Structure formats: C-alpha cells, structure tokens
C-alpha cells in the first residue's frame, strides 16, 4: 500500500467516527431531555458531553464503541446535578440521574 491510500483510509475512518459520535450524541441528548421532562426537572445547558469512550463486546459478541455522556439538570433551578447516558454502539444501554 502506498502512503496516499493509507492516509485516505485514515481520513475516512476519522470522518466516520466523528459522524457516528455526533449521531449517538444527538440520541443521548434526546434521551436526557425526555428523562428530565418525565421527572419534571430542568435540563441545563441543553446538551450532553462525552466523558468516556472505549470498546466493549455486545451481547452478540461484536466489538462496539461504548460511550458515556453526562448532562446537568436541576430540581429547583439553583442546585446543579449530573446525570448520565451510557451507549453501546448506537443503542442507549442505561440512563440515570
């Protein structure tokens, strides 16, 4: 393989990773908003942030990206608390306050 092809493959992989992470982040944000709405909490900052990323096997044995997102919420508009969303691949595994 020549250097140009390797560079192109690396750029393609980086672009896929970036787009996949944005898509999963949007999904996590929607889950966080819905979780706060159901619990009658304020979803602060209107976003989630990626805190951890790694690899883990799914129930079927496939290697998937395992991501943990955090978000801030408030019960009274003053005190700030932290919630989390855990995803495996593009599926939400767990969400909590």
N, C-alpha and C. Protein backbone atom coordinates (compact mmCIF):
# COMPACT_ATOMS: atom_id res chain seq x y z
N UNK A 1 0.84 -1.19 0.00
CA UNK A 1 0.00 0.00 0.00
C UNK A 1 0.87 1.24 0.00
N UNK A 2 0.44 2.23 -0.74
CA UNK A 2 1.22 3.46 -0.72
C UNK A 2 0.69 4.38 0.37
N UNK A 3 1.46 5.39 0.68
CA UNK A 3 1.12 6.32 1.76
C UNK A 3 -0.17 7.08 1.53
N UNK A 4 -0.47 7.41 0.28
CA UNK A 4 -1.69 8.15 -0.03
C UNK A 4 -2.95 7.35 0.28
N UNK A 5 -2.92 6.07 0.00
CA UNK A 5 -4.07 5.21 0.27
C UNK A 5 -4.28 5.04 1.77
N UNK A 6 -3.19 4.87 2.50
CA UNK A 6 -3.29 4.75 3.96
C UNK A 6 -3.85 6.04 4.55
N UNK A 7 -3.38 7.18 4.07
CA UNK A 7 -3.88 8.46 4.55
C UNK A 7 -5.37 8.61 4.26
N UNK A 8 -5.78 8.21 3.06
CA UNK A 8 -7.19 8.28 2.69
C UNK A 8 -8.05 7.37 3.58
N UNK A 9 -7.58 6.18 3.87
CA UNK A 9 -8.29 5.27 4.76
C UNK A 9 -8.40 5.85 6.18
N UNK A 10 -7.33 6.44 6.66
CA UNK A 10 -7.34 7.05 8.00
C UNK A 10 -8.31 8.23 8.06
N UNK A 11 -8.31 9.05 7.02
CA UNK A 11 -9.25 10.18 6.97
C UNK A 11 -10.69 9.69 6.90
N UNK A 12 -10.95 8.65 6.13
CA UNK A 12 -12.30 8.08 6.04
C UNK A 12 -12.76 7.53 7.38
N UNK A 13 -11.87 6.84 8.08
CA UNK A 13 -12.18 6.31 9.40
C UNK A 13 -12.45 7.44 10.40
N UNK A 14 -11.65 8.48 10.37
CA UNK A 14 -11.85 9.62 11.26
C UNK A 14 -13.17 10.31 10.98
N UNK A 15 -13.52 10.47 9.71
CA UNK A 15 -14.80 11.09 9.35
C UNK A 15 -15.98 10.23 9.82
N UNK A 16 -15.90 8.91 9.62
CA UNK A 16 -16.95 8.02 10.10
C UNK A 16 -17.10 8.12 11.61
N UNK A 17 -15.98 8.08 12.33
CA UNK A 17 -16.00 8.15 13.80
C UNK A 17 -16.65 9.45 14.26
N UNK A 18 -16.29 10.56 13.65
CA UNK A 18 -16.84 11.87 14.01
C UNK A 18 -18.34 11.90 13.78
N UNK A 19 -18.80 11.47 12.61
CA UNK A 19 -20.22 11.47 12.30
C UNK A 19 -21.00 10.52 13.20
N UNK A 20 -20.45 9.35 13.46
CA UNK A 20 -21.11 8.38 14.33
C UNK A 20 -21.24 8.93 15.75
N UNK A 21 -20.20 9.57 16.25
CA UNK A 21 -20.25 10.15 17.60
C UNK A 21 -21.27 11.28 17.66
N UNK A 22 -21.35 12.11 16.64
CA UNK A 22 -22.36 13.17 16.62
C UNK A 22 -23.78 12.59 16.63
N UNK A 23 -24.00 11.55 15.86
CA UNK A 23 -25.32 10.92 15.79
C UNK A 23 -25.71 10.31 17.14
N UNK A 24 -24.78 9.61 17.78
CA UNK A 24 -25.05 9.00 19.07
C UNK A 24 -25.22 10.08 20.14
N UNK A 25 -24.47 11.16 20.04
CA UNK A 25 -24.60 12.27 20.99
C UNK A 25 -25.98 12.90 20.90
N UNK A 26 -26.49 13.08 19.68
CA UNK A 26 -27.84 13.62 19.50
C UNK A 26 -28.88 12.69 20.12
N UNK A 27 -28.69 11.40 19.95
CA UNK A 27 -29.60 10.43 20.55
C UNK A 27 -29.54 10.52 22.09
N UNK A 28 -28.34 10.61 22.65
CA UNK A 28 -28.18 10.73 24.10
C UNK A 28 -28.82 12.02 24.61
N UNK A 29 -28.69 13.08 23.85
CA UNK A 29 -29.28 14.36 24.24
C UNK A 29 -30.80 14.26 24.28
N UNK A 30 -31.39 13.60 23.30
CA UNK A 30 -32.84 13.41 23.29
C UNK A 30 -33.31 12.59 24.49
N UNK A 31 -32.55 11.55 24.82
CA UNK A 31 -32.90 10.72 25.97
C UNK A 31 -32.80 11.54 27.26
N UNK A 32 -31.77 12.35 27.39
CA UNK A 32 -31.60 13.20 28.58
C UNK A 32 -32.75 14.20 28.70
N UNK A 33 -33.13 14.83 27.59
CA UNK A 33 -34.24 15.77 27.61
C UNK A 33 -35.54 15.08 28.03
N UNK A 34 -35.80 13.92 27.47
CA UNK A 34 -37.02 13.18 27.80
C UNK A 34 -37.01 12.72 29.26
N UNK A 35 -35.88 12.27 29.74
CA UNK A 35 -35.74 11.85 31.13
C UNK A 35 -36.05 13.02 32.08
N UNK A 36 -35.50 14.18 31.77
CA UNK A 36 -35.75 15.37 32.60
C UNK A 36 -37.22 15.78 32.50
N UNK A 37 -37.79 15.72 31.32
CA UNK A 37 -39.19 16.11 31.15
C UNK A 37 -40.11 15.20 31.98
N UNK A 38 -39.86 13.90 31.92
CA UNK A 38 -40.68 12.94 32.66
C UNK A 38 -40.58 13.13 34.17
N UNK A 39 -39.41 13.53 34.63
CA UNK A 39 -39.19 13.72 36.07
C UNK A 39 -39.47 15.16 36.51
N UNK A 40 -39.92 16.00 35.58
CA UNK A 40 -40.21 17.42 35.83
C UNK A 40 -38.98 18.15 36.37
N UNK A 41 -37.85 17.93 35.67
CA UNK A 41 -36.58 18.56 36.02
C UNK A 41 -36.17 19.51 34.91
N UNK A 42 -35.29 20.44 35.23
CA UNK A 42 -34.75 21.35 34.23
C UNK A 42 -33.50 20.71 33.62
N UNK A 43 -33.50 20.59 32.30
CA UNK A 43 -32.34 20.09 31.56
C UNK A 43 -31.45 21.29 31.30
N UNK A 44 -30.35 21.40 32.05
CA UNK A 44 -29.49 22.58 31.98
C UNK A 44 -28.53 22.50 30.79
N UNK A 45 -28.20 23.63 30.26
CA UNK A 45 -27.23 23.80 29.16
C UNK A 45 -27.73 23.24 27.82
N UNK A 46 -28.78 22.44 27.83
CA UNK A 46 -29.35 21.92 26.59
C UNK A 46 -28.47 20.97 25.82
N UNK A 47 -27.53 20.33 26.49
CA UNK A 47 -26.62 19.44 25.77
C UNK A 47 -26.05 18.36 26.68
N UNK A 48 -25.44 17.37 26.08
CA UNK A 48 -24.71 16.34 26.81
C UNK A 48 -23.24 16.43 26.39
N UNK A 49 -22.36 15.93 27.25
CA UNK A 49 -20.94 15.96 26.90
C UNK A 49 -20.36 14.55 27.03
N UNK A 50 -19.50 14.21 26.09
CA UNK A 50 -18.85 12.90 26.08
C UNK A 50 -17.80 12.87 27.19
N UNK A 51 -17.92 11.90 28.09
CA UNK A 51 -16.99 11.79 29.20
C UNK A 51 -16.01 10.63 29.07
N UNK A 52 -16.47 9.57 28.38
CA UNK A 52 -15.62 8.39 28.26
C UNK A 52 -15.98 7.65 26.97
N UNK A 53 -14.98 7.09 26.36
CA UNK A 53 -15.20 6.25 25.18
C UNK A 53 -14.25 5.06 25.24
N UNK A 54 -14.77 3.91 24.89
CA UNK A 54 -13.95 2.70 24.90
C UNK A 54 -14.58 1.66 24.00
N UNK A 55 -14.06 0.45 24.07
CA UNK A 55 -14.59 -0.66 23.29
C UNK A 55 -15.14 -1.71 24.24
N UNK A 56 -16.27 -2.30 23.85
CA UNK A 56 -16.87 -3.36 24.64
C UNK A 56 -17.63 -4.29 23.70
N UNK A 57 -17.76 -5.53 24.08
CA UNK A 57 -18.49 -6.50 23.27
C UNK A 57 -19.99 -6.43 23.57
N UNK A 58 -20.78 -6.54 22.52
CA UNK A 58 -22.23 -6.57 22.66
C UNK A 58 -22.65 -7.98 23.10
N UNK A 59 -23.95 -8.16 23.33
CA UNK A 59 -24.46 -9.48 23.70
C UNK A 59 -24.17 -10.53 22.63
N UNK A 60 -24.06 -10.09 21.40
CA UNK A 60 -23.77 -11.00 20.29
C UNK A 60 -22.27 -11.21 20.07
N UNK A 61 -21.46 -10.59 20.91
CA UNK A 61 -20.02 -10.78 20.82
C UNK A 61 -19.30 -9.82 19.89
N UNK A 62 -20.03 -8.87 19.31
CA UNK A 62 -19.39 -7.91 18.40
C UNK A 62 -18.78 -6.77 19.19
N UNK A 63 -17.62 -6.33 18.74
CA UNK A 63 -16.93 -5.21 19.37
C UNK A 63 -17.63 -3.91 18.98
N UNK A 64 -18.03 -3.11 19.97
CA UNK A 64 -18.77 -1.86 19.74
C UNK A 64 -18.14 -0.73 20.55
N UNK A 65 -18.41 0.49 20.09
CA UNK A 65 -17.97 1.66 20.85
C UNK A 65 -18.90 1.83 22.06
N UNK A 66 -18.31 1.99 23.20
CA UNK A 66 -19.02 2.17 24.48
C UNK A 66 -18.75 3.61 24.93
N UNK A 67 -19.81 4.41 24.99
CA UNK A 67 -19.65 5.84 25.31
C UNK A 67 -20.45 6.20 26.54
N UNK A 68 -19.90 7.08 27.36
CA UNK A 68 -20.62 7.64 28.50
C UNK A 68 -20.73 9.14 28.30
N UNK A 69 -21.96 9.63 28.34
CA UNK A 69 -22.25 11.05 28.24
C UNK A 69 -22.77 11.53 29.58
N UNK A 70 -22.48 12.79 29.92
CA UNK A 70 -23.02 13.40 31.12
C UNK A 70 -23.82 14.63 30.74
N UNK A 71 -24.77 14.97 31.60
CA UNK A 71 -25.56 16.18 31.40
C UNK A 71 -25.91 16.74 32.77
N UNK A 72 -26.25 18.02 32.79
CA UNK A 72 -26.62 18.68 34.03
C UNK A 72 -28.12 18.92 34.07
N UNK A 73 -28.67 18.79 35.25
CA UNK A 73 -30.09 19.06 35.46
C UNK A 73 -30.27 19.69 36.83
N UNK A 74 -31.45 20.23 37.06
CA UNK A 74 -31.73 20.89 38.32
C UNK A 74 -33.17 20.61 38.74
N UNK A 75 -33.35 20.45 40.03
CA UNK A 75 -34.69 20.26 40.57
C UNK A 75 -35.35 21.59 40.90
N UNK A 76 -34.53 22.59 41.19
CA UNK A 76 -35.06 23.88 41.64
C UNK A 76 -34.53 25.09 40.88
N UNK A 77 -33.72 24.88 39.87
CA UNK A 77 -33.15 25.98 39.09
C UNK A 77 -31.89 26.57 39.71
N UNK A 78 -31.52 26.11 40.91
CA UNK A 78 -30.34 26.63 41.59
C UNK A 78 -29.27 25.55 41.73
N UNK A 79 -29.66 24.44 42.33
CA UNK A 79 -28.72 23.35 42.56
C UNK A 79 -28.50 22.55 41.27
N UNK A 80 -27.25 22.35 40.93
CA UNK A 80 -26.87 21.65 39.69
C UNK A 80 -26.50 20.21 40.03
N UNK A 81 -27.10 19.26 39.30
CA UNK A 81 -26.79 17.85 39.49
C UNK A 81 -26.39 17.25 38.15
N UNK A 82 -25.79 16.06 38.21
CA UNK A 82 -25.28 15.42 37.00
C UNK A 82 -25.99 14.10 36.74
N UNK A 83 -26.41 13.91 35.50
CA UNK A 83 -26.99 12.65 35.05
C UNK A 83 -26.07 12.03 34.01
N UNK A 84 -26.40 10.82 33.58
CA UNK A 84 -25.55 10.13 32.62
C UNK A 84 -26.39 9.33 31.63
N UNK A 85 -25.80 9.11 30.48
CA UNK A 85 -26.35 8.24 29.44
C UNK A 85 -25.20 7.34 28.99
N UNK A 86 -25.42 6.04 28.97
CA UNK A 86 -24.40 5.09 28.50
C UNK A 86 -24.91 4.43 27.23
N UNK A 87 -24.10 4.45 26.19
CA UNK A 87 -24.47 3.84 24.92
C UNK A 87 -23.48 2.74 24.55
N UNK A 88 -24.00 1.76 23.84
CA UNK A 88 -23.15 0.71 23.27
C UNK A 88 -23.51 0.65 21.80
N UNK A 89 -22.55 0.98 20.96
CA UNK A 89 -22.85 1.14 19.54
C UNK A 89 -23.75 2.35 19.39
N UNK A 90 -24.90 2.16 18.75
CA UNK A 90 -25.82 3.30 18.62
C UNK A 90 -27.10 3.06 19.42
N UNK A 91 -27.00 2.23 20.48
CA UNK A 91 -28.14 1.96 21.34
C UNK A 91 -27.87 2.46 22.76
N UNK A 92 -28.88 3.08 23.35
CA UNK A 92 -28.76 3.52 24.74
C UNK A 92 -28.89 2.29 25.63
N UNK A 93 -27.90 2.08 26.46
CA UNK A 93 -27.89 0.96 27.39
C UNK A 93 -28.49 1.34 28.73
N UNK A 94 -28.15 2.54 29.19
CA UNK A 94 -28.56 2.94 30.53
C UNK A 94 -28.62 4.46 30.60
N UNK A 95 -29.55 4.96 31.40
CA UNK A 95 -29.66 6.40 31.66
C UNK A 95 -30.01 6.57 33.11
N UNK A 96 -29.44 7.59 33.72
CA UNK A 96 -29.72 7.78 35.13
C UNK A 96 -29.50 9.19 35.60
N UNK A 97 -30.10 9.46 36.74
CA UNK A 97 -29.98 10.77 37.38
C UNK A 97 -29.17 10.65 38.65
